[in-house]
Amino acid sequence: MDLYFLRHTTVAVDNDVCYGQTEIPVASSFLQEASDTMKLVPDKMHAVYFSSPTRRCIQLAEFISKRPSMQDPRLSDLNFGTWERKKWSEIDEEELESWMNDVIYKAPPEGESYEQLILRVKDFFEEVVTKNYKTVVISTHASIVRAILSYVLEIPYQRTFDMQIAFGSITKISVDGASVTVEYINRV
């Protein structure tokens, strides 16, 4: 089974805004970026498509597949709780510092921790690999791609922050029985 994890295309939001599960529109460059990403996806017609329930991920999956994707909330980005849509500079400095010092296990107020995100992504992955799919395309977020890589490579999630996961990029993982191989990361 070949799994292609696609990060959604560029979004129309300032870089200094905290967003995760918030609906953010895609940038005006969507058609070009989506077309570029689509060229990198093999077996488009026969693939099974999953996406995060956010519109930015659904749009990319459906642009490539030309049909509805299966939306799965386990593929949602991190829930930043009360920090969603705030500028990073507007978040209480002590709260932010406390979170950043324990980013894996501490959740933003009314949000979720990366540990919770990792567990739901692991659950999704373990379920999908039991299916009889040949090609799976998953339109999602950088945090989800990092969680999958952390899981299959057996590395701490913190280490994945050093990995570039560009907008519109593809990460390929192949599964053959008990063998899991990361074929490539961040292909654009």
Protein backbone atom coordinates (compact mmCIF):
# COMPACT_ATOMS: atom_id res chain seq x y z
CA MET A 1 0.00 0.00 0.00
CA ASP A 2 1.26 3.45 -0.92
CA LEU A 3 0.12 6.37 1.24
CA TYR A 4 0.58 9.92 0.00
CA PHE A 5 0.25 12.57 2.69
CA LEU A 6 -0.44 15.96 1.13
CA ARG A 7 -0.14 19.17 3.07
CA HIS A 8 -2.85 21.62 2.03
CA THR A 9 -1.87 24.55 -0.18
CA THR A 10 -0.98 28.04 1.03
CA VAL A 11 -3.63 29.76 3.11
CA ALA A 12 -4.84 33.36 3.07
CA VAL A 13 -3.78 34.34 6.58
CA ASP A 14 -0.90 36.31 8.04
CA ASN A 15 2.07 34.28 9.32
CA ASP A 16 1.63 35.74 12.79
CA VAL A 17 -1.86 34.25 13.28
CA CYS A 18 -2.33 31.08 15.33
CA TYR A 19 -4.64 28.68 13.54
CA GLY A 20 -5.18 24.96 13.63
CA GLN A 21 -8.75 23.75 13.28
CA THR A 22 -10.03 27.19 12.32
CA GLU A 23 -11.44 27.46 8.81
CA ILE A 24 -8.95 29.52 6.85
CA PRO A 25 -9.45 30.14 3.11
CA VAL A 26 -6.84 29.05 0.60
CA ALA A 27 -4.66 31.71 -1.02
CA SER A 28 -5.32 33.04 -4.50
CA SER A 29 -2.48 30.76 -5.71
CA PHE A 30 -4.62 27.64 -5.01
CA LEU A 31 -5.20 26.58 -8.63
CA GLN A 32 -1.49 26.73 -9.52
CA GLU A 33 -0.36 25.04 -6.28
CA ALA A 34 -3.04 22.35 -6.50
CA SER A 35 -2.14 21.68 -10.15
CA ASP A 36 1.53 21.33 -9.20
CA THR A 37 0.67 18.94 -6.36
CA MET A 38 -1.67 16.92 -8.58
CA LYS A 39 1.19 16.21 -11.01
CA LEU A 40 3.02 14.42 -8.19
CA VAL A 41 0.14 12.07 -7.30
CA PRO A 42 0.22 8.79 -9.25
CA ASP A 43 -2.79 6.55 -9.81
CA LYS A 44 -5.20 9.44 -9.13
CA MET A 45 -8.22 7.66 -10.59
CA HIS A 46 -7.92 4.49 -8.50
CA ALA A 47 -6.73 5.99 -5.23
CA VAL A 48 -8.81 6.21 -2.06
CA TYR A 49 -9.00 9.79 -0.79
CA PHE A 50 -9.16 10.95 2.81
CA SER A 51 -9.03 14.49 4.09
CA SER A 52 -9.13 16.57 7.20
CA PRO A 53 -12.62 18.08 7.60
CA THR A 54 -11.22 21.60 7.08
CA ARG A 55 -12.17 23.17 3.77
CA ARG A 56 -8.54 23.86 2.79
CA CYS A 57 -7.83 20.10 2.84
CA ILE A 58 -11.12 19.05 1.25
CA GLN A 59 -10.52 21.46 -1.64
CA LEU A 60 -7.14 19.95 -2.44
CA ALA A 61 -8.34 16.35 -2.20
CA GLU A 62 -11.36 17.00 -4.40
CA PHE A 63 -9.38 19.06 -6.92
CA ILE A 64 -7.05 16.10 -7.43
CA SER A 65 -9.61 13.28 -7.21
CA LYS A 66 -12.51 15.01 -9.01
CA ARG A 67 -14.82 13.36 -6.47
CA PRO A 68 -15.71 13.69 -2.77
CA SER A 69 -13.10 12.58 -0.25
CA MET A 70 -13.74 10.72 2.98
CA GLN A 71 -13.37 13.27 5.76
CA ASP A 72 -11.88 12.03 9.01
CA PRO A 73 -11.62 14.26 12.11
CA ARG A 74 -8.48 12.36 13.18
CA LEU A 75 -6.75 14.19 10.32
CA SER A 76 -7.59 17.63 11.76
CA ASP A 77 -4.83 20.03 12.69
CA LEU A 78 -4.00 20.76 16.33
CA ASN A 79 -6.84 22.38 18.26
CA PHE A 80 -5.33 25.57 19.67
CA GLY A 81 -8.47 26.27 21.75
CA THR A 82 -8.83 29.90 22.81
CA TRP A 83 -5.68 30.81 20.90
CA GLU A 84 -7.28 30.07 17.50
CA ARG A 85 -7.29 33.14 15.20
CA LYS A 86 -5.27 35.24 17.66
CA LYS A 87 -1.97 36.77 16.69
CA TRP A 88 0.86 34.98 18.46
CA SER A 89 1.81 38.33 20.01
CA GLU A 90 -1.69 38.62 21.55
CA ILE A 91 -1.45 35.33 23.43
CA ASP A 92 -0.58 35.65 27.11
CA GLU A 93 3.21 35.45 27.25
CA GLU A 94 3.32 33.23 30.36
CA GLU A 95 0.74 30.80 28.90
CA LEU A 96 2.62 30.62 25.63
CA GLU A 97 5.99 30.09 27.31
CA SER A 98 4.56 27.39 29.57
CA TRP A 99 3.12 25.60 26.53
CA MET A 100 6.33 25.92 24.52
CA ASN A 101 8.34 24.44 27.39
CA ASP A 102 6.16 21.30 27.34
CA VAL A 103 4.72 21.47 23.82
CA ILE A 104 4.04 17.74 23.50
CA TYR A 105 2.09 17.19 26.71
CA LYS A 106 0.59 20.60 27.51
CA ALA A 107 -2.50 21.84 25.70
CA PRO A 108 -3.43 25.45 24.96
CA PRO A 109 -6.47 26.60 27.00
CA GLU A 110 -9.51 24.61 25.79
CA GLY A 111 -7.34 22.99 23.13
CA GLU A 112 -5.46 19.72 22.76
CA SER A 113 -1.88 18.62 23.27
CA TYR A 114 0.35 17.25 20.57
CA GLU A 115 0.24 13.98 22.48
CA GLN A 116 -3.52 13.82 21.86
CA LEU A 117 -3.01 14.66 18.19
CA ILE A 118 -0.36 11.95 17.84
CA LEU A 119 -2.65 9.32 19.38
CA ARG A 120 -5.54 10.08 17.00
CA VAL A 121 -3.22 10.10 13.97
CA LYS A 122 -1.69 6.79 15.03
CA ASP A 123 -5.23 5.38 15.35
CA PHE A 124 -6.07 6.56 11.81
CA PHE A 125 -2.87 5.11 10.35
CA GLU A 126 -3.26 1.74 12.07
CA GLU A 127 -6.84 1.47 10.82
CA VAL A 128 -6.07 2.44 7.21
CA VAL A 129 -3.17 -0.01 6.82
CA THR A 130 -5.49 -2.91 7.69
CA LYS A 131 -7.60 -2.15 4.60
CA ASN A 132 -7.05 -3.65 1.20
CA TYR A 133 -6.16 -0.35 -0.48
CA LYS A 134 -3.44 -0.03 -3.09
CA THR A 135 -3.10 3.77 -3.13
CA VAL A 136 -4.28 6.18 -0.44
CA VAL A 137 -4.12 9.97 -0.77
CA ILE A 138 -4.52 11.94 2.45
CA SER A 139 -5.02 15.71 2.30
CA THR A 140 -4.12 17.13 5.69
CA HIS A 141 -1.84 19.43 7.72
CA ALA A 142 1.88 19.64 8.50
CA SER A 143 1.24 18.56 12.12
CA ILE A 144 -0.41 15.36 10.90
CA VAL A 145 2.43 14.59 8.49
CA ARG A 146 4.90 15.13 11.33
CA ALA A 147 2.87 12.84 13.63
CA ILE A 148 2.90 10.05 11.03
CA LEU A 149 6.63 10.45 10.49
CA SER A 150 7.26 10.45 14.24
CA TYR A 151 5.26 7.24 14.55
CA VAL A 152 6.66 5.25 11.63
CA LEU A 153 10.27 6.41 12.12
CA GLU A 154 10.00 5.96 15.89
CA ILE A 155 11.46 9.38 16.61
CA PRO A 156 10.30 11.94 19.17
CA TYR A 157 7.69 14.32 17.77
CA GLN A 158 9.88 17.28 18.80
CA ARG A 159 12.47 16.15 16.23
CA THR A 160 9.93 16.49 13.43
CA PHE A 161 9.78 20.27 13.93
CA ASP A 162 13.16 20.25 12.18
CA MET A 163 11.51 18.77 9.06
CA GLN A 164 10.26 21.15 6.41
CA ILE A 165 6.69 20.28 5.35
CA ALA A 166 5.87 22.84 2.65
CA PHE A 167 2.42 23.87 1.53
CA GLY A 168 1.29 21.53 -1.25
CA SER A 169 4.07 19.03 -0.53
CA ILE A 170 3.77 15.25 -0.57
CA THR A 171 5.24 12.69 1.79
CA LYS A 172 5.08 9.06 0.65
CA ILE A 173 4.99 6.06 2.96
CA SER A 174 4.82 2.50 1.65
CA VAL A 175 3.45 -0.37 3.72
CA ASP A 176 4.07 -4.00 2.77
CA GLY A 177 2.94 -6.31 5.54
CA ALA A 178 4.95 -5.38 8.61
CA SER A 179 7.44 -3.35 6.57
CA VAL A 180 6.90 0.43 6.59
CA THR A 181 9.16 2.60 4.42
CA VAL A 182 9.28 6.38 4.16
CA GLU A 183 9.90 6.80 0.43
CA TYR A 184 10.22 10.61 0.54
CA ILE A 185 9.34 13.66 2.60
CA ASN A 186 8.25 17.12 1.46
CA ARG A 187 8.31 16.57 -2.30
CA VAL A 188 7.15 19.65 -4.19
